[in-house]
Amino acid sequence: MTKHQIILYWSREDDAFIAEVPELPGCAADGATRQEALANAEIVIEEWIETARELGR
């Protein structure tokens, strides 16, 4: 697991919790609960990093 700051907040517009990762542009996830949003964020962080490596960034 990598270590990144995650900002977690409730979005009325999306009717869900949003988990944003500020140091990884565009990296965010959502979920019906805080725990679900955080779990989804862990997945998209790994995918974001994998994609960046594939693109040579």
PDB file of N, CA and C in Angstrom:
ATOM      1  N   MET A   1       0.844  -1.171   0.000  1.00  0.00           N
ATOM      2  CA  MET A   1       0.000   0.000   0.000  1.00  0.00           C
ATOM      3  C   MET A   1       0.896   1.243   0.000  1.00  0.00           C
ATOM      4  N   THR A   2       0.493   2.208  -0.799  1.00  0.00           N
ATOM      5  CA  THR A   2       1.221   3.467  -0.823  1.00  0.00           C
ATOM      6  C   THR A   2       0.597   4.429   0.184  1.00  0.00           C
ATOM      7  N   LYS A   3       1.328   5.461   0.502  1.00  0.00           N
ATOM      8  CA  LYS A   3       0.837   6.426   1.478  1.00  0.00           C
ATOM      9  C   LYS A   3       0.591   7.755   0.784  1.00  0.00           C
ATOM     10  N   HIS A   4      -0.667   8.164   0.768  1.00  0.00           N
ATOM     11  CA  HIS A   4      -1.063   9.416   0.150  1.00  0.00           C
ATOM     12  C   HIS A   4      -2.133  10.071   1.010  1.00  0.00           C
ATOM     13  N   GLN A   5      -2.142  11.387   0.991  1.00  0.00           N
ATOM     14  CA  GLN A   5      -3.199  12.116   1.691  1.00  0.00           C
ATOM     15  C   GLN A   5      -4.508  11.921   0.937  1.00  0.00           C
ATOM     16  N   ILE A   6      -5.568  11.649   1.664  1.00  0.00           N
ATOM     17  CA  ILE A   6      -6.896  11.501   1.073  1.00  0.00           C
ATOM     18  C   ILE A   6      -7.818  12.490   1.769  1.00  0.00           C
ATOM     19  N   ILE A   7      -8.498  13.297   0.964  1.00  0.00           N
ATOM     20  CA  ILE A   7      -9.490  14.233   1.497  1.00  0.00           C
ATOM     21  C   ILE A   7     -10.852  13.587   1.303  1.00  0.00           C
ATOM     22  N   LEU A   8     -11.570  13.416   2.400  1.00  0.00           N
ATOM     23  CA  LEU A   8     -12.852  12.716   2.387  1.00  0.00           C
ATOM     24  C   LEU A   8     -13.956  13.694   2.761  1.00  0.00           C
ATOM     25  N   TYR A   9     -14.995  13.766   1.940  1.00  0.00           N
ATOM     26  CA  TYR A   9     -16.102  14.677   2.241  1.00  0.00           C
ATOM     27  C   TYR A   9     -17.400  14.147   1.623  1.00  0.00           C
ATOM     28  N   TRP A  10     -18.513  14.675   2.135  1.00  0.00           N
ATOM     29  CA  TRP A  10     -19.828  14.316   1.623  1.00  0.00           C
ATOM     30  C   TRP A  10     -20.197  15.262   0.496  1.00  0.00           C
ATOM     31  N   SER A  11     -20.688  14.727  -0.602  1.00  0.00           N
ATOM     32  CA  SER A  11     -21.142  15.523  -1.737  1.00  0.00           C
ATOM     33  C   SER A  11     -22.651  15.379  -1.875  1.00  0.00           C
ATOM     34  N   ARG A  12     -23.363  16.471  -1.635  1.00  0.00           N
ATOM     35  CA  ARG A  12     -24.821  16.434  -1.828  1.00  0.00           C
ATOM     36  C   ARG A  12     -25.159  16.211  -3.290  1.00  0.00           C
ATOM     37  N   GLU A  13     -24.378  16.847  -4.170  1.00  0.00           N
ATOM     38  CA  GLU A  13     -24.616  16.728  -5.605  1.00  0.00           C
ATOM     39  C   GLU A  13     -24.543  15.275  -6.066  1.00  0.00           C
ATOM     40  N   ASP A  14     -23.551  14.538  -5.560  1.00  0.00           N
ATOM     41  CA  ASP A  14     -23.372  13.134  -5.935  1.00  0.00           C
ATOM     42  C   ASP A  14     -24.097  12.178  -5.000  1.00  0.00           C
ATOM     43  N   ASP A  15     -24.574  12.691  -3.862  1.00  0.00           N
ATOM     44  CA  ASP A  15     -25.228  11.865  -2.848  1.00  0.00           C
ATOM     45  C   ASP A  15     -24.322  10.703  -2.438  1.00  0.00           C
ATOM     46  N   ALA A  16     -23.037  11.058  -2.202  1.00  0.00           N
ATOM     47  CA  ALA A  16     -22.045  10.045  -1.863  1.00  0.00           C
ATOM     48  C   ALA A  16     -20.863  10.710  -1.155  1.00  0.00           C
ATOM     49  N   PHE A  17     -20.058   9.884  -0.496  1.00  0.00           N
ATOM     50  CA  PHE A  17     -18.790  10.360   0.049  1.00  0.00           C
ATOM     51  C   PHE A  17     -17.773  10.365  -1.085  1.00  0.00           C
ATOM     52  N   ILE A  18     -16.960  11.407  -1.131  1.00  0.00           N
ATOM     53  CA  ILE A  18     -15.924  11.549  -2.147  1.00  0.00           C
ATOM     54  C   ILE A  18     -14.568  11.478  -1.450  1.00  0.00           C
ATOM     55  N   ALA A  19     -13.657  10.727  -2.027  1.00  0.00           N
ATOM     56  CA  ALA A  19     -12.290  10.616  -1.518  1.00  0.00           C
ATOM     57  C   ALA A  19     -11.356  11.109  -2.625  1.00  0.00           C
ATOM     58  N   GLU A  20     -10.735  12.279  -2.402  1.00  0.00           N
ATOM     59  CA  GLU A  20      -9.823  12.857  -3.388  1.00  0.00           C
ATOM     60  C   GLU A  20      -8.383  12.704  -2.922  1.00  0.00           C
ATOM     61  N   VAL A  21      -7.497  12.504  -3.876  1.00  0.00           N
ATOM     62  CA  VAL A  21      -6.065  12.347  -3.594  1.00  0.00           C
ATOM     63  C   VAL A  21      -5.349  13.531  -4.247  1.00  0.00           C
ATOM     64  N   PRO A  22      -5.106  14.612  -3.487  1.00  0.00           N
ATOM     65  CA  PRO A  22      -4.588  15.852  -4.067  1.00  0.00           C
ATOM     66  C   PRO A  22      -3.264  15.721  -4.817  1.00  0.00           C
ATOM     67  N   GLU A  23      -2.379  14.860  -4.370  1.00  0.00           N
ATOM     68  CA  GLU A  23      -1.065  14.770  -5.019  1.00  0.00           C
ATOM     69  C   GLU A  23      -1.088  13.963  -6.317  1.00  0.00           C
ATOM     70  N   LEU A  24      -2.221  13.324  -6.622  1.00  0.00           N
ATOM     71  CA  LEU A  24      -2.372  12.573  -7.863  1.00  0.00           C
ATOM     72  C   LEU A  24      -3.521  13.212  -8.654  1.00  0.00           C
ATOM     73  N   PRO A  25      -3.220  14.122  -9.572  1.00  0.00           N
ATOM     74  CA  PRO A  25      -4.250  14.879 -10.285  1.00  0.00           C
ATOM     75  C   PRO A  25      -5.326  13.990 -10.906  1.00  0.00           C
ATOM     76  N   GLY A  26      -6.575  14.332 -10.607  1.00  0.00           N
ATOM     77  CA  GLY A  26      -7.704  13.595 -11.149  1.00  0.00           C
ATOM     78  C   GLY A  26      -8.018  12.296 -10.449  1.00  0.00           C
ATOM     79  N   CYS A  27      -7.280  11.972  -9.416  1.00  0.00           N
ATOM     80  CA  CYS A  27      -7.480  10.717  -8.699  1.00  0.00           C
ATOM     81  C   CYS A  27      -8.515  10.916  -7.593  1.00  0.00           C
ATOM     82  N   ALA A  28      -9.661  10.282  -7.758  1.00  0.00           N
ATOM     83  CA  ALA A  28     -10.738  10.398  -6.774  1.00  0.00           C
ATOM     84  C   ALA A  28     -11.629   9.162  -6.873  1.00  0.00           C
ATOM     85  N   ALA A  29     -12.353   8.912  -5.810  1.00  0.00           N
ATOM     86  CA  ALA A  29     -13.289   7.790  -5.768  1.00  0.00           C
ATOM     87  C   ALA A  29     -14.488   8.212  -4.936  1.00  0.00           C
ATOM     88  N   ASP A  30     -15.543   7.424  -5.018  1.00  0.00           N
ATOM     89  CA  ASP A  30     -16.717   7.728  -4.202  1.00  0.00           C
ATOM     90  C   ASP A  30     -17.237   6.453  -3.563  1.00  0.00           C
ATOM     91  N   GLY A  31     -18.210   6.623  -2.695  1.00  0.00           N
ATOM     92  CA  GLY A  31     -18.829   5.482  -2.033  1.00  0.00           C
ATOM     93  C   GLY A  31     -20.016   5.920  -1.209  1.00  0.00           C
ATOM     94  N   ALA A  32     -20.882   4.983  -0.911  1.00  0.00           N
ATOM     95  CA  ALA A  32     -22.069   5.275  -0.112  1.00  0.00           C
ATOM     96  C   ALA A  32     -21.717   5.542   1.354  1.00  0.00           C
ATOM     97  N   THR A  33     -20.579   5.000   1.799  1.00  0.00           N
ATOM     98  CA  THR A  33     -20.112   5.216   3.167  1.00  0.00           C
ATOM     99  C   THR A  33     -18.674   5.723   3.117  1.00  0.00           C
ATOM    100  N   ARG A  34     -18.207   6.240   4.243  1.00  0.00           N
ATOM    101  CA  ARG A  34     -16.805   6.679   4.310  1.00  0.00           C
ATOM    102  C   ARG A  34     -15.863   5.518   4.019  1.00  0.00           C
ATOM    103  N   GLN A  35     -16.164   4.373   4.616  1.00  0.00           N
ATOM    104  CA  GLN A  35     -15.314   3.198   4.451  1.00  0.00           C
ATOM    105  C   GLN A  35     -15.264   2.745   2.990  1.00  0.00           C
ATOM    106  N   GLU A  36     -16.402   2.786   2.324  1.00  0.00           N
ATOM    107  CA  GLU A  36     -16.453   2.380   0.920  1.00  0.00           C
ATOM    108  C   GLU A  36     -15.665   3.355   0.049  1.00  0.00           C
ATOM    109  N   ALA A  37     -15.799   4.643   0.305  1.00  0.00           N
ATOM    110  CA  ALA A  37     -15.060   5.647  -0.466  1.00  0.00           C
ATOM    111  C   ALA A  37     -13.557   5.472  -0.272  1.00  0.00           C
ATOM    112  N   LEU A  38     -13.129   5.212   0.963  1.00  0.00           N
ATOM    113  CA  LEU A  38     -11.698   5.004   1.222  1.00  0.00           C
ATOM    114  C   LEU A  38     -11.187   3.731   0.556  1.00  0.00           C
ATOM    115  N   ALA A  39     -11.964   2.665   0.629  1.00  0.00           N
ATOM    116  CA  ALA A  39     -11.563   1.408  -0.011  1.00  0.00           C
ATOM    117  C   ALA A  39     -11.456   1.601  -1.519  1.00  0.00           C
ATOM    118  N   ASN A  40     -12.403   2.308  -2.105  1.00  0.00           N
ATOM    119  CA  ASN A  40     -12.358   2.583  -3.539  1.00  0.00           C
ATOM    120  C   ASN A  40     -11.170   3.480  -3.888  1.00  0.00           C
ATOM    121  N   ALA A  41     -10.839   4.411  -3.004  1.00  0.00           N
ATOM    122  CA  ALA A  41      -9.686   5.287  -3.230  1.00  0.00           C
ATOM    123  C   ALA A  41      -8.398   4.478  -3.279  1.00  0.00           C
ATOM    124  N   GLU A  42      -8.255   3.493  -2.421  1.00  0.00           N
ATOM    125  CA  GLU A  42      -7.057   2.653  -2.428  1.00  0.00           C
ATOM    126  C   GLU A  42      -6.899   1.961  -3.781  1.00  0.00           C
ATOM    127  N   ILE A  43      -7.996   1.525  -4.340  1.00  0.00           N
ATOM    128  CA  ILE A  43      -7.965   0.855  -5.643  1.00  0.00           C
ATOM    129  C   ILE A  43      -7.550   1.830  -6.740  1.00  0.00           C
ATOM    130  N   VAL A  44      -8.180   3.010  -6.769  1.00  0.00           N
ATOM    131  CA  VAL A  44      -7.862   3.949  -7.852  1.00  0.00           C
ATOM    132  C   VAL A  44      -6.469   4.550  -7.697  1.00  0.00           C
ATOM    133  N   ILE A  45      -5.950   4.630  -6.485  1.00  0.00           N
ATOM    134  CA  ILE A  45      -4.566   5.098  -6.300  1.00  0.00           C
ATOM    135  C   ILE A  45      -3.616   4.129  -6.993  1.00  0.00           C
ATOM    136  N   GLU A  46      -3.790   2.843  -6.756  1.00  0.00           N
ATOM    137  CA  GLU A  46      -2.928   1.844  -7.384  1.00  0.00           C
ATOM    138  C   GLU A  46      -3.068   1.885  -8.903  1.00  0.00           C
ATOM    139  N   GLU A  47      -4.302   2.024  -9.392  1.00  0.00           N
ATOM    140  CA  GLU A  47      -4.526   2.100 -10.834  1.00  0.00           C
ATOM    141  C   GLU A  47      -3.903   3.361 -11.420  1.00  0.00           C
ATOM    142  N   TRP A  48      -4.014   4.489 -10.703  1.00  0.00           N
ATOM    143  CA  TRP A  48      -3.433   5.755 -11.167  1.00  0.00           C
ATOM    144  C   TRP A  48      -1.924   5.607 -11.309  1.00  0.00           C
ATOM    145  N   ILE A  49      -1.291   5.042 -10.280  1.00  0.00           N
ATOM    146  CA  ILE A  49       0.164   4.872 -10.297  1.00  0.00           C
ATOM    147  C   ILE A  49       0.582   3.918 -11.408  1.00  0.00           C
ATOM    148  N   GLU A  50      -0.135   2.819 -11.572  1.00  0.00           N
ATOM    149  CA  GLU A  50       0.170   1.853 -12.623  1.00  0.00           C
ATOM    150  C   GLU A  50       0.080   2.496 -14.008  1.00  0.00           C
ATOM    151  N   THR A  51      -0.960   3.270 -14.231  1.00  0.00           N
ATOM    152  CA  THR A  51      -1.134   3.951 -15.515  1.00  0.00           C
ATOM    153  C   THR A  51      -0.028   4.974 -15.742  1.00  0.00           C
ATOM    154  N   ALA A  52       0.323   5.740 -14.708  1.00  0.00           N
ATOM    155  CA  ALA A  52       1.395   6.726 -14.839  1.00  0.00           C
ATOM    156  C   ALA A  52       2.712   6.046 -15.199  1.00  0.00           C
ATOM    157  N   ARG A  53       2.995   4.915 -14.591  1.00  0.00           N
ATOM    158  CA  ARG A  53       4.234   4.172 -14.910  1.00  0.00           C
ATOM    159  C   ARG A  53       4.228   3.690 -16.351  1.00  0.00           C
ATOM    160  N   GLU A  54       3.068   3.169 -16.785  1.00  0.00           N
ATOM    161  CA  GLU A  54       2.956   2.692 -18.170  1.00  0.00           C
ATOM    162  C   GLU A  54       3.180   3.821 -19.170  1.00  0.00           C
ATOM    163  N   LEU A  55       2.764   5.039 -18.794  1.00  0.00           N
ATOM    164  CA  LEU A  55       2.934   6.201 -19.665  1.00  0.00           C
ATOM    165  C   LEU A  55       4.288   6.881 -19.494  1.00  0.00           C
ATOM    166  N   GLY A  56       5.116   6.338 -18.602  1.00  0.00           N
ATOM    167  CA  GLY A  56       6.444   6.878 -18.375  1.00  0.00           C
ATOM    168  C   GLY A  56       6.471   8.187 -17.607  1.00  0.00           C
ATOM    169  N   ARG A  57       5.494   8.382 -16.748  1.00  0.00           N
ATOM    170  CA  ARG A  57       5.435   9.624 -15.957  1.00  0.00           C
ATOM    171  C   ARG A  57       5.944   9.409 -14.571  1.00  0.00           C
TER     172      ARG A  57
END
